[in-house]
């Protein structure tokens, strides 16, 4: 019996040795599939230092930042959603590290970061597309990152739809708007695609006094307010805005396209869209009923790509 066990042990040792010789030395074996370099998102090189701050400017607001090491300090610049400031947490760190950024339009940016006494670039502006246009780098265009607030809609497609509506500038709605104090606030078009609604608005200033926009609200309210009954309001927050207007000079006009989550309006309620003037009283307001909302024009993707 002892002899048999020794022979079995010797046999297993030989099999193990043979397997070791046949191994390629790769950590992944069996059914694992290697990721090729064609699928890699090539990082940008970024130099930082301790005594100076490097600013990186992105084409849209920043949604996510990840730092690969405690050697880095990074954060959004005050009052600027699309600018991140980066510097070294300690002097002369030797190991290279990395930083990743996701922006509101679905772009993914990655950086290899190293320390330098005098960084060559202190202010860097990133472009919309992070691939260089070559065929081998086409997967590096990371525009298909989906963000939670947009659900199943691609941020890239949302942006293209808004730009297309703004560029075409067609007036599809002619009965919704208001005019007060020489200022006109109009709904030019109402569109729908998947789970989003797009409101195309226009602010026209016929006076000589500039109109500074404080904020715009979308809210569902009761059509009739019964005495001694509190007014019920449901605020709908825009998810995106194309050409968001903050100021309209005298004798001029500006247009904005808002993207909102899909919703409908109960029979006894209405949607009220209000625009408030900053440090002024020329507030504007128009109303949208459910019958207008359900007639929103569908967007043809083929015409906006």
Protein backbone atom coordinates (compact mmCIF):
# COMPACT_ATOMS: atom_id res chain seq x y z
CA UNK A 1 0.00 0.00 0.00
CA UNK A 2 2.83 2.34 0.92
CA UNK A 3 4.50 1.64 -2.44
CA UNK A 4 1.31 2.47 -4.30
CA UNK A 5 0.94 5.79 -2.45
CA UNK A 6 4.53 6.75 -3.26
CA UNK A 7 4.00 5.97 -6.95
CA UNK A 8 0.79 8.05 -6.97
CA UNK A 9 2.61 10.97 -5.32
CA UNK A 10 5.41 10.76 -7.87
CA UNK A 11 2.89 10.69 -10.71
CA UNK A 12 1.07 13.80 -9.42
CA UNK A 13 4.37 15.63 -8.94
CA UNK A 14 5.29 14.90 -12.55
CA UNK A 15 1.92 16.14 -13.84
CA UNK A 16 2.28 19.37 -11.84
CA UNK A 17 5.80 19.91 -13.16
CA UNK A 18 4.65 19.31 -16.73
CA UNK A 19 1.78 21.76 -16.32
CA UNK A 20 4.19 24.35 -14.96
CA UNK A 21 6.42 23.91 -17.99
CA UNK A 22 3.48 24.28 -20.37
CA UNK A 23 2.23 27.46 -18.62
CA UNK A 24 2.84 30.68 -20.52
CA UNK A 25 3.50 32.54 -17.29
CA UNK A 26 0.43 34.70 -17.90
CA UNK A 27 -1.67 35.40 -14.83
CA UNK A 28 -4.89 34.89 -16.85
CA UNK A 29 -5.33 31.34 -18.13
CA UNK A 30 -8.12 29.04 -19.14
CA UNK A 31 -11.12 30.86 -20.65
CA UNK A 32 -9.93 34.39 -19.88
CA UNK A 33 -9.60 36.63 -22.90
CA UNK A 34 -6.89 39.28 -23.04
CA UNK A 35 -7.87 42.89 -23.64
CA UNK A 36 -6.07 44.15 -26.72
CA UNK A 37 -4.41 47.53 -26.99
CA UNK A 38 -7.04 48.54 -29.57
CA UNK A 39 -9.58 48.65 -26.71
CA UNK A 40 -7.37 50.78 -24.47
CA UNK A 41 -8.23 54.39 -23.74
CA UNK A 42 -4.87 56.06 -24.16
CA UNK A 43 -4.07 58.33 -21.19
CA UNK A 44 -2.86 61.89 -21.43
CA UNK A 45 0.39 62.85 -19.73
CA UNK A 46 0.04 65.48 -17.01
CA UNK A 47 2.81 67.06 -14.94
CA UNK A 48 2.07 68.65 -11.57
CA UNK A 49 4.09 70.27 -8.80
CA UNK A 50 3.78 71.32 -5.17
CA UNK A 51 4.11 75.10 -5.37
CA UNK A 52 1.89 75.69 -8.42
CA UNK A 53 -1.64 74.65 -9.39
CA UNK A 54 -2.44 73.01 -12.72
CA UNK A 55 -5.90 73.77 -14.12
CA UNK A 56 -7.59 71.42 -16.60
CA UNK A 57 -10.57 72.85 -18.50
CA UNK A 58 -13.18 70.41 -19.86
CA UNK A 59 -15.88 71.08 -22.48
CA UNK A 60 -18.73 70.32 -20.05
CA UNK A 61 -19.37 70.10 -16.28
CA UNK A 62 -17.45 67.47 -14.31
CA UNK A 63 -19.48 64.60 -12.81
CA UNK A 64 -16.78 62.29 -11.40
CA UNK A 65 -13.10 62.47 -10.42
CA UNK A 66 -10.89 59.62 -9.19
CA UNK A 67 -7.30 60.03 -7.98
CA UNK A 68 -4.95 57.07 -8.12
CA UNK A 69 -2.81 58.17 -5.18
CA UNK A 70 -2.81 60.31 -2.05
CA UNK A 71 0.09 62.18 -3.65
CA UNK A 72 -2.51 64.17 -5.61
CA UNK A 73 -4.93 66.89 -4.52
CA UNK A 74 -7.73 67.77 -6.95
CA UNK A 75 -11.08 69.55 -6.87
CA UNK A 76 -13.44 71.67 -8.92
CA UNK A 77 -12.53 75.32 -9.22
CA UNK A 78 -14.81 77.62 -7.25
CA UNK A 79 -17.89 78.73 -9.24
CA UNK A 80 -16.74 76.72 -12.29
CA UNK A 81 -18.25 73.30 -12.95
CA UNK A 82 -15.96 72.38 -15.85
CA UNK A 83 -12.55 73.27 -14.38
CA UNK A 84 -10.53 71.01 -12.11
CA UNK A 85 -7.43 72.13 -10.23
CA UNK A 86 -4.65 69.62 -9.50
CA UNK A 87 -1.44 69.85 -7.48
CA UNK A 88 0.95 67.61 -5.54
CA UNK A 89 0.14 66.79 -1.91
CA UNK A 90 3.84 66.39 -1.14
CA UNK A 91 7.09 67.42 -2.77
CA UNK A 92 9.14 65.26 -5.11
CA UNK A 93 7.02 62.09 -5.07
CA UNK A 94 8.68 59.57 -7.36
CA UNK A 95 6.01 57.08 -8.42
CA UNK A 96 3.80 57.90 -11.38
CA UNK A 97 0.06 57.82 -10.62
CA UNK A 98 -3.17 58.44 -12.52
CA UNK A 99 -6.38 60.48 -12.54
CA UNK A 100 -9.73 59.80 -14.26
CA UNK A 101 -12.52 62.27 -15.03
CA UNK A 102 -16.07 61.78 -16.36
CA UNK A 103 -17.92 64.82 -17.69
CA UNK A 104 -21.61 65.56 -18.06
CA UNK A 105 -21.62 64.92 -21.81
CA UNK A 106 -20.44 61.33 -21.31
CA UNK A 107 -16.73 61.83 -22.03
CA UNK A 108 -14.19 59.77 -20.10
CA UNK A 109 -10.71 61.23 -19.68
CA UNK A 110 -7.72 59.47 -18.13
CA UNK A 111 -4.33 60.94 -17.21
CA UNK A 112 -0.95 59.56 -16.19
CA UNK A 113 0.35 62.03 -13.61
CA UNK A 114 3.94 62.60 -12.51
CA UNK A 115 5.83 65.18 -10.45
CA UNK A 116 7.87 67.91 -12.11
CA UNK A 117 9.70 70.87 -10.57
CA UNK A 118 8.44 73.12 -13.35
CA UNK A 119 5.46 71.67 -15.28
CA UNK A 120 5.52 72.57 -18.94
CA UNK A 121 1.73 73.19 -19.00
CA UNK A 122 -0.08 74.88 -16.14
CA UNK A 123 -3.40 75.40 -17.95
CA UNK A 124 -4.76 72.62 -20.16
CA UNK A 125 -7.91 72.70 -22.30
CA UNK A 126 -9.45 69.35 -23.27
CA UNK A 127 -11.50 68.96 -26.46
CA UNK A 128 -14.82 67.18 -27.04
CA UNK A 129 -13.29 64.08 -28.59
CA UNK A 130 -10.37 62.43 -26.86
CA UNK A 131 -9.32 60.23 -29.77
CA UNK A 132 -6.98 61.63 -32.40
CA UNK A 133 -9.08 60.60 -35.40
CA UNK A 134 -7.08 57.54 -36.36
CA UNK A 135 -8.95 54.31 -37.07
CA UNK A 136 -7.05 52.34 -34.44
CA UNK A 137 -8.05 54.86 -31.81
CA UNK A 138 -11.75 54.99 -32.63
CA UNK A 139 -12.77 53.03 -29.46
CA UNK A 140 -10.94 55.66 -27.41
CA UNK A 141 -13.79 58.08 -28.07
CA UNK A 142 -15.60 57.40 -24.79
CA UNK A 143 -18.82 59.27 -25.55
CA UNK A 144 -21.13 56.39 -24.62
CA UNK A 145 -20.86 56.62 -20.84
CA UNK A 146 -24.39 56.65 -19.43
CA UNK A 147 -25.27 58.89 -16.49
CA UNK A 148 -27.90 58.06 -13.90
CA UNK A 149 -30.06 61.14 -14.34
CA UNK A 150 -30.46 60.48 -18.09
CA UNK A 151 -31.56 56.87 -17.61
CA UNK A 152 -31.12 54.83 -20.79
CA UNK A 153 -30.38 57.85 -22.97
CA UNK A 154 -26.89 58.51 -24.28
CA UNK A 155 -25.49 61.88 -23.12
CA UNK A 156 -24.03 62.33 -26.59
CA UNK A 157 -27.42 61.85 -28.27
CA UNK A 158 -29.12 64.23 -25.83
CA UNK A 159 -26.57 66.89 -26.66
CA UNK A 160 -26.94 66.31 -30.41
CA UNK A 161 -30.74 66.53 -30.21
CA UNK A 162 -30.61 69.82 -28.30
CA UNK A 163 -28.07 71.30 -30.72
CA UNK A 164 -30.11 70.12 -33.71
CA UNK A 165 -33.33 71.69 -32.37
CA UNK A 166 -31.49 74.93 -31.61
CA UNK A 167 -29.74 75.01 -34.99
CA UNK A 168 -32.88 74.33 -37.06
CA UNK A 169 -34.82 77.01 -35.16
CA UNK A 170 -38.27 75.94 -36.33
CA UNK A 171 -41.36 77.33 -34.62
CA UNK A 172 -43.67 74.34 -34.13
CA UNK A 173 -45.80 75.87 -31.35
CA UNK A 174 -47.52 79.21 -31.99
CA UNK A 175 -50.07 79.56 -29.22
CA UNK A 176 -47.98 79.35 -26.04
CA UNK A 177 -46.15 82.35 -24.65
CA UNK A 178 -46.49 85.65 -22.86
CA UNK A 179 -45.51 89.29 -23.33
CA UNK A 180 -45.05 91.71 -20.45
CA UNK A 181 -43.10 94.94 -19.99
CA UNK A 182 -41.78 94.83 -23.54
CA UNK A 183 -40.33 91.32 -23.08
CA UNK A 184 -41.71 88.20 -24.79
CA UNK A 185 -41.21 84.62 -23.54
CA UNK A 186 -42.25 81.94 -26.05
CA UNK A 187 -42.40 78.17 -26.42
CA UNK A 188 -41.25 77.59 -30.00
CA UNK A 189 -41.25 73.80 -30.00
CA UNK A 190 -41.91 70.71 -27.91
CA UNK A 191 -40.15 67.44 -28.78
CA UNK A 192 -39.85 63.96 -27.34
CA UNK A 193 -37.36 61.11 -27.62
CA UNK A 194 -37.37 58.00 -25.44
CA UNK A 195 -37.79 59.16 -21.83
CA UNK A 196 -36.98 62.85 -22.33
CA UNK A 197 -38.89 65.96 -23.36
CA UNK A 198 -37.26 68.93 -25.09
CA UNK A 199 -38.61 72.47 -24.66
CA UNK A 200 -37.42 75.03 -27.21
CA UNK A 201 -37.92 78.51 -25.71
CA UNK A 202 -37.20 82.05 -26.85
CA UNK A 203 -36.78 85.29 -24.90
CA UNK A 204 -37.19 88.45 -26.96
CA UNK A 205 -36.33 91.82 -25.45
CA UNK A 206 -37.97 94.71 -27.32
CA UNK A 207 -36.85 97.34 -24.81
CA UNK A 208 -33.53 99.15 -24.55
CA UNK A 209 -32.86 97.78 -21.05
CA UNK A 210 -30.97 94.43 -20.92
CA UNK A 211 -32.80 91.50 -19.31
CA UNK A 212 -30.64 89.48 -16.88
CA UNK A 213 -32.06 86.03 -16.17
CA UNK A 214 -32.04 84.95 -12.53
CA UNK A 215 -33.55 81.45 -12.93
CA UNK A 216 -36.16 79.42 -14.83
CA UNK A 217 -38.63 77.05 -13.14
CA UNK A 218 -40.85 74.26 -14.47
CA UNK A 219 -43.62 73.23 -12.08
CA UNK A 220 -46.97 71.44 -12.19
CA UNK A 221 -49.66 73.33 -10.29
CA UNK A 222 -53.43 73.14 -9.75
CA UNK A 223 -55.59 74.82 -12.39
CA UNK A 224 -58.03 76.07 -9.77
CA UNK A 225 -57.10 77.05 -6.24
CA UNK A 226 -59.87 76.48 -3.74
CA UNK A 227 -60.01 79.03 -0.93
CA UNK A 228 -58.27 77.99 2.29
CA UNK A 229 -56.55 75.14 0.42
CA UNK A 230 -52.79 75.01 0.09
CA UNK A 231 -51.54 75.11 -3.48
CA UNK A 232 -49.90 71.85 -4.53
CA UNK A 233 -46.75 72.22 -6.65
CA UNK A 234 -44.46 69.66 -8.24
CA UNK A 235 -41.17 71.06 -9.52
CA UNK A 236 -39.65 69.45 -12.64
CA UNK A 237 -35.91 70.04 -12.80
CA UNK A 238 -34.26 70.33 -16.24
CA UNK A 239 -31.54 67.74 -16.83
CA UNK A 240 -29.67 69.64 -19.54
CA UNK A 241 -29.81 72.98 -21.32
CA UNK A 242 -28.38 74.06 -24.66
CA UNK A 243 -27.40 77.73 -24.93
CA UNK A 244 -28.75 78.56 -21.48
CA UNK A 245 -29.58 82.26 -21.58
CA UNK A 246 -28.31 84.46 -18.75
CA UNK A 247 -28.65 87.87 -20.43
CA UNK A 248 -30.60 89.31 -23.36
CA UNK A 249 -29.48 92.75 -24.49
CA UNK A 250 -31.90 95.43 -25.59
CA UNK A 251 -33.55 94.96 -29.00
CA UNK A 252 -32.34 91.36 -29.27
CA UNK A 253 -33.46 87.78 -28.58
CA UNK A 254 -31.97 84.48 -27.43
CA UNK A 255 -33.15 80.85 -27.53
CA UNK A 256 -32.62 77.91 -25.14
CA UNK A 257 -33.41 74.21 -25.42
CA UNK A 258 -34.18 72.43 -22.14
CA UNK A 259 -34.15 68.64 -21.69
CA UNK A 260 -36.54 67.38 -19.00
CA UNK A 261 -37.51 63.90 -17.79
CA UNK A 262 -40.69 62.51 -19.39
CA UNK A 263 -43.88 63.39 -17.52
CA UNK A 264 -47.58 63.98 -18.13
CA UNK A 265 -50.00 66.41 -16.49
CA UNK A 266 -53.21 65.40 -14.66
CA UNK A 267 -56.46 66.84 -16.01
CA UNK A 268 -56.90 69.28 -13.14
CA UNK A 269 -53.33 70.60 -13.32
CA UNK A 270 -51.10 72.57 -15.69
CA UNK A 271 -47.39 73.11 -16.29
CA UNK A 272 -46.18 76.61 -15.50
CA UNK A 273 -42.83 77.78 -16.90
CA UNK A 274 -41.52 80.93 -15.25
CA UNK A 275 -38.48 83.09 -15.94
CA UNK A 276 -37.40 85.56 -13.28
CA UNK A 277 -35.36 88.70 -13.89
CA UNK A 278 -32.34 89.28 -11.67
CA UNK A 279 -32.77 92.44 -9.61
CA UNK A 280 -35.87 93.32 -11.59
CA UNK A 281 -39.60 92.77 -11.85
CA UNK A 282 -40.16 91.85 -15.50
CA UNK A 283 -40.90 88.21 -14.70
CA UNK A 284 -42.28 86.07 -17.53
CA UNK A 285 -44.59 83.03 -17.43
CA UNK A 286 -46.43 80.72 -19.82
CA UNK A 287 -48.60 77.64 -19.28
CA UNK A 288 -48.66 74.22 -20.97
CA UNK A 289 -51.61 71.83 -20.78
CA UNK A 290 -51.42 68.05 -21.05
CA UNK A 291 -52.98 68.10 -24.52
CA UNK A 292 -50.04 70.22 -25.70
CA UNK A 293 -47.55 67.93 -23.96
CA UNK A 294 -48.83 64.70 -25.51
CA UNK A 295 -48.59 66.29 -28.98
CA UNK A 296 -44.83 66.70 -28.60
CA UNK A 297 -43.10 66.02 -31.92
CA UNK A 298 -40.95 62.86 -32.01
CA UNK A 299 -37.26 63.31 -32.83
CA UNK A 300 -35.82 61.43 -35.77
CA UNK A 301 -32.37 60.19 -34.69
CA UNK A 302 -31.20 59.91 -38.29
CA UNK A 303 -31.49 63.67 -38.71
CA UNK A 304 -29.45 64.61 -35.68
CA UNK A 305 -26.49 62.23 -35.86
